[in-house]
């Protein structure tokens, strides 16, 4: 089991930036993929970005060029740098990890609100 603790959400104006962090603990040796999903009001949860243990990254088309995912394996932490934020980025952002035995663990979620 992997425990995840997120931080960094908040209220930001359109065009602004935020950085989300997610620290993992527990069975960290089994982590393969780390990433972020989000769920906006009245929307389904969607994948935002993910990073594999080897460094490969994937992004949703809606955030390409604006968001950057990174991973510090020494700190067992994944980051999501979000720039040029738009109102449609407003959502609860959930950190997740996929282990080598295909188990998914989730963080508690952090609210990101983009509004003037």
Protein backbone atom coordinates (compact mmCIF):
# COMPACT_ATOMS: atom_id res chain seq x y z
CA UNK A 1 0.00 0.00 0.00
CA UNK A 2 1.18 3.49 -0.87
CA UNK A 3 0.01 6.56 1.01
CA UNK A 4 -0.15 9.87 -0.83
CA UNK A 5 -0.29 13.39 0.58
CA UNK A 6 -1.04 16.28 -1.77
CA UNK A 7 -0.43 19.97 -1.35
CA UNK A 8 -0.37 23.16 -3.37
CA UNK A 9 -3.94 23.75 -4.46
CA UNK A 10 -5.74 27.05 -4.07
CA UNK A 11 -7.35 30.00 -5.78
CA UNK A 12 -5.56 31.67 -8.66
CA UNK A 13 -6.51 34.20 -11.32
CA UNK A 14 -6.68 33.24 -14.99
CA UNK A 15 -3.21 33.24 -16.48
CA UNK A 16 -1.63 32.46 -13.15
CA UNK A 17 0.41 29.50 -11.97
CA UNK A 18 0.29 26.86 -9.26
CA UNK A 19 2.46 23.91 -8.37
CA UNK A 20 0.97 20.77 -6.90
CA UNK A 21 3.05 18.31 -4.93
CA UNK A 22 2.33 14.72 -3.95
CA UNK A 23 4.54 12.86 -1.51
CA UNK A 24 4.41 9.07 -1.38
CA UNK A 25 5.17 6.82 1.56
CA UNK A 26 4.73 3.16 2.38
CA UNK A 27 5.49 0.58 -0.30
CA UNK A 28 7.33 3.09 -2.49
CA UNK A 29 9.59 0.43 -3.99
CA UNK A 30 6.57 -0.85 -5.92
CA UNK A 31 5.71 2.45 -7.63
CA UNK A 32 5.79 2.44 -11.42
CA UNK A 33 3.65 5.34 -12.61
CA UNK A 34 2.88 8.58 -10.77
CA UNK A 35 0.42 11.13 -12.01
CA UNK A 36 -2.57 13.38 -11.65
CA UNK A 37 -6.23 13.13 -12.50
CA UNK A 38 -8.79 15.87 -12.07
CA UNK A 39 -12.55 16.12 -11.73
CA UNK A 40 -14.28 19.37 -12.52
CA UNK A 41 -17.82 20.32 -11.51
CA UNK A 42 -20.27 18.04 -13.29
CA UNK A 43 -17.49 16.30 -15.19
CA UNK A 44 -15.94 12.87 -15.19
CA UNK A 45 -12.51 12.30 -13.71
CA UNK A 46 -9.87 12.69 -16.41
CA UNK A 47 -6.17 12.00 -16.66
CA UNK A 48 -4.13 15.20 -16.62
CA UNK A 49 -0.57 13.91 -16.74
CA UNK A 50 1.51 10.91 -15.77
CA UNK A 51 5.15 10.02 -15.53
CA UNK A 52 6.62 6.55 -15.69
CA UNK A 53 9.55 5.35 -13.61
CA UNK A 54 11.81 5.68 -16.64
CA UNK A 55 10.82 9.31 -17.15
CA UNK A 56 8.33 9.04 -20.01
CA UNK A 57 5.48 11.53 -19.67
CA UNK A 58 1.97 11.78 -21.07
CA UNK A 59 -0.37 14.77 -21.01
CA UNK A 60 -3.99 15.43 -21.77
CA UNK A 61 -4.32 17.49 -24.94
CA UNK A 62 -6.03 20.26 -22.97
CA UNK A 63 -2.94 20.90 -20.81
CA UNK A 64 -0.08 20.29 -23.25
CA UNK A 65 2.31 23.22 -23.32
CA UNK A 66 0.92 24.63 -20.08
CA UNK A 67 1.44 21.90 -17.48
CA UNK A 68 4.64 20.05 -16.65
CA UNK A 69 4.87 16.88 -14.59
CA UNK A 70 8.09 15.93 -12.86
CA UNK A 71 9.22 13.36 -10.37
CA UNK A 72 11.87 13.36 -7.65
CA UNK A 73 12.55 9.72 -6.94
CA UNK A 74 14.83 10.54 -4.02
CA UNK A 75 11.95 12.32 -2.30
CA UNK A 76 9.24 9.98 -3.64
CA UNK A 77 7.39 13.05 -4.80
CA UNK A 78 5.63 13.99 -8.00
CA UNK A 79 4.96 17.59 -9.01
CA UNK A 80 2.57 19.25 -11.40
CA UNK A 81 3.58 22.74 -12.50
CA UNK A 82 0.53 24.47 -13.92
CA UNK A 83 1.01 27.66 -15.92
CA UNK A 84 -1.36 29.83 -17.94
CA UNK A 85 -4.26 28.52 -15.92
CA UNK A 86 -7.77 28.83 -17.33
CA UNK A 87 -11.16 28.76 -15.61
CA UNK A 88 -11.78 25.36 -17.20
CA UNK A 89 -8.83 23.99 -15.21
CA UNK A 90 -10.92 24.41 -12.07
CA UNK A 91 -11.24 20.97 -10.51
CA UNK A 92 -10.25 18.72 -7.66
CA UNK A 93 -6.85 17.31 -8.57
CA UNK A 94 -6.03 13.79 -7.42
CA UNK A 95 -2.57 12.34 -7.24
CA UNK A 96 -2.26 8.64 -8.01
CA UNK A 97 0.34 5.93 -8.28
CA UNK A 98 0.24 2.67 -10.16
CA UNK A 99 2.37 -0.03 -8.65
CA UNK A 100 4.28 -2.77 -10.40
CA UNK A 101 1.54 -5.23 -9.42
CA UNK A 102 -1.10 -2.99 -11.04
CA UNK A 103 -2.61 -1.56 -7.86
CA UNK A 104 -3.74 2.07 -7.95
CA UNK A 105 -3.53 4.26 -4.87
CA UNK A 106 -5.12 7.71 -4.66
CA UNK A 107 -4.49 10.89 -2.75
CA UNK A 108 -7.26 12.76 -0.98
CA UNK A 109 -7.53 15.45 -3.64
CA UNK A 110 -6.71 19.13 -3.65
CA UNK A 111 -8.96 21.90 -4.96
CA UNK A 112 -7.72 24.19 -7.72
CA UNK A 113 -9.94 27.15 -8.53
CA UNK A 114 -9.16 29.51 -11.40
CA UNK A 115 -11.26 32.63 -11.17
CA UNK A 116 -10.99 36.38 -11.27
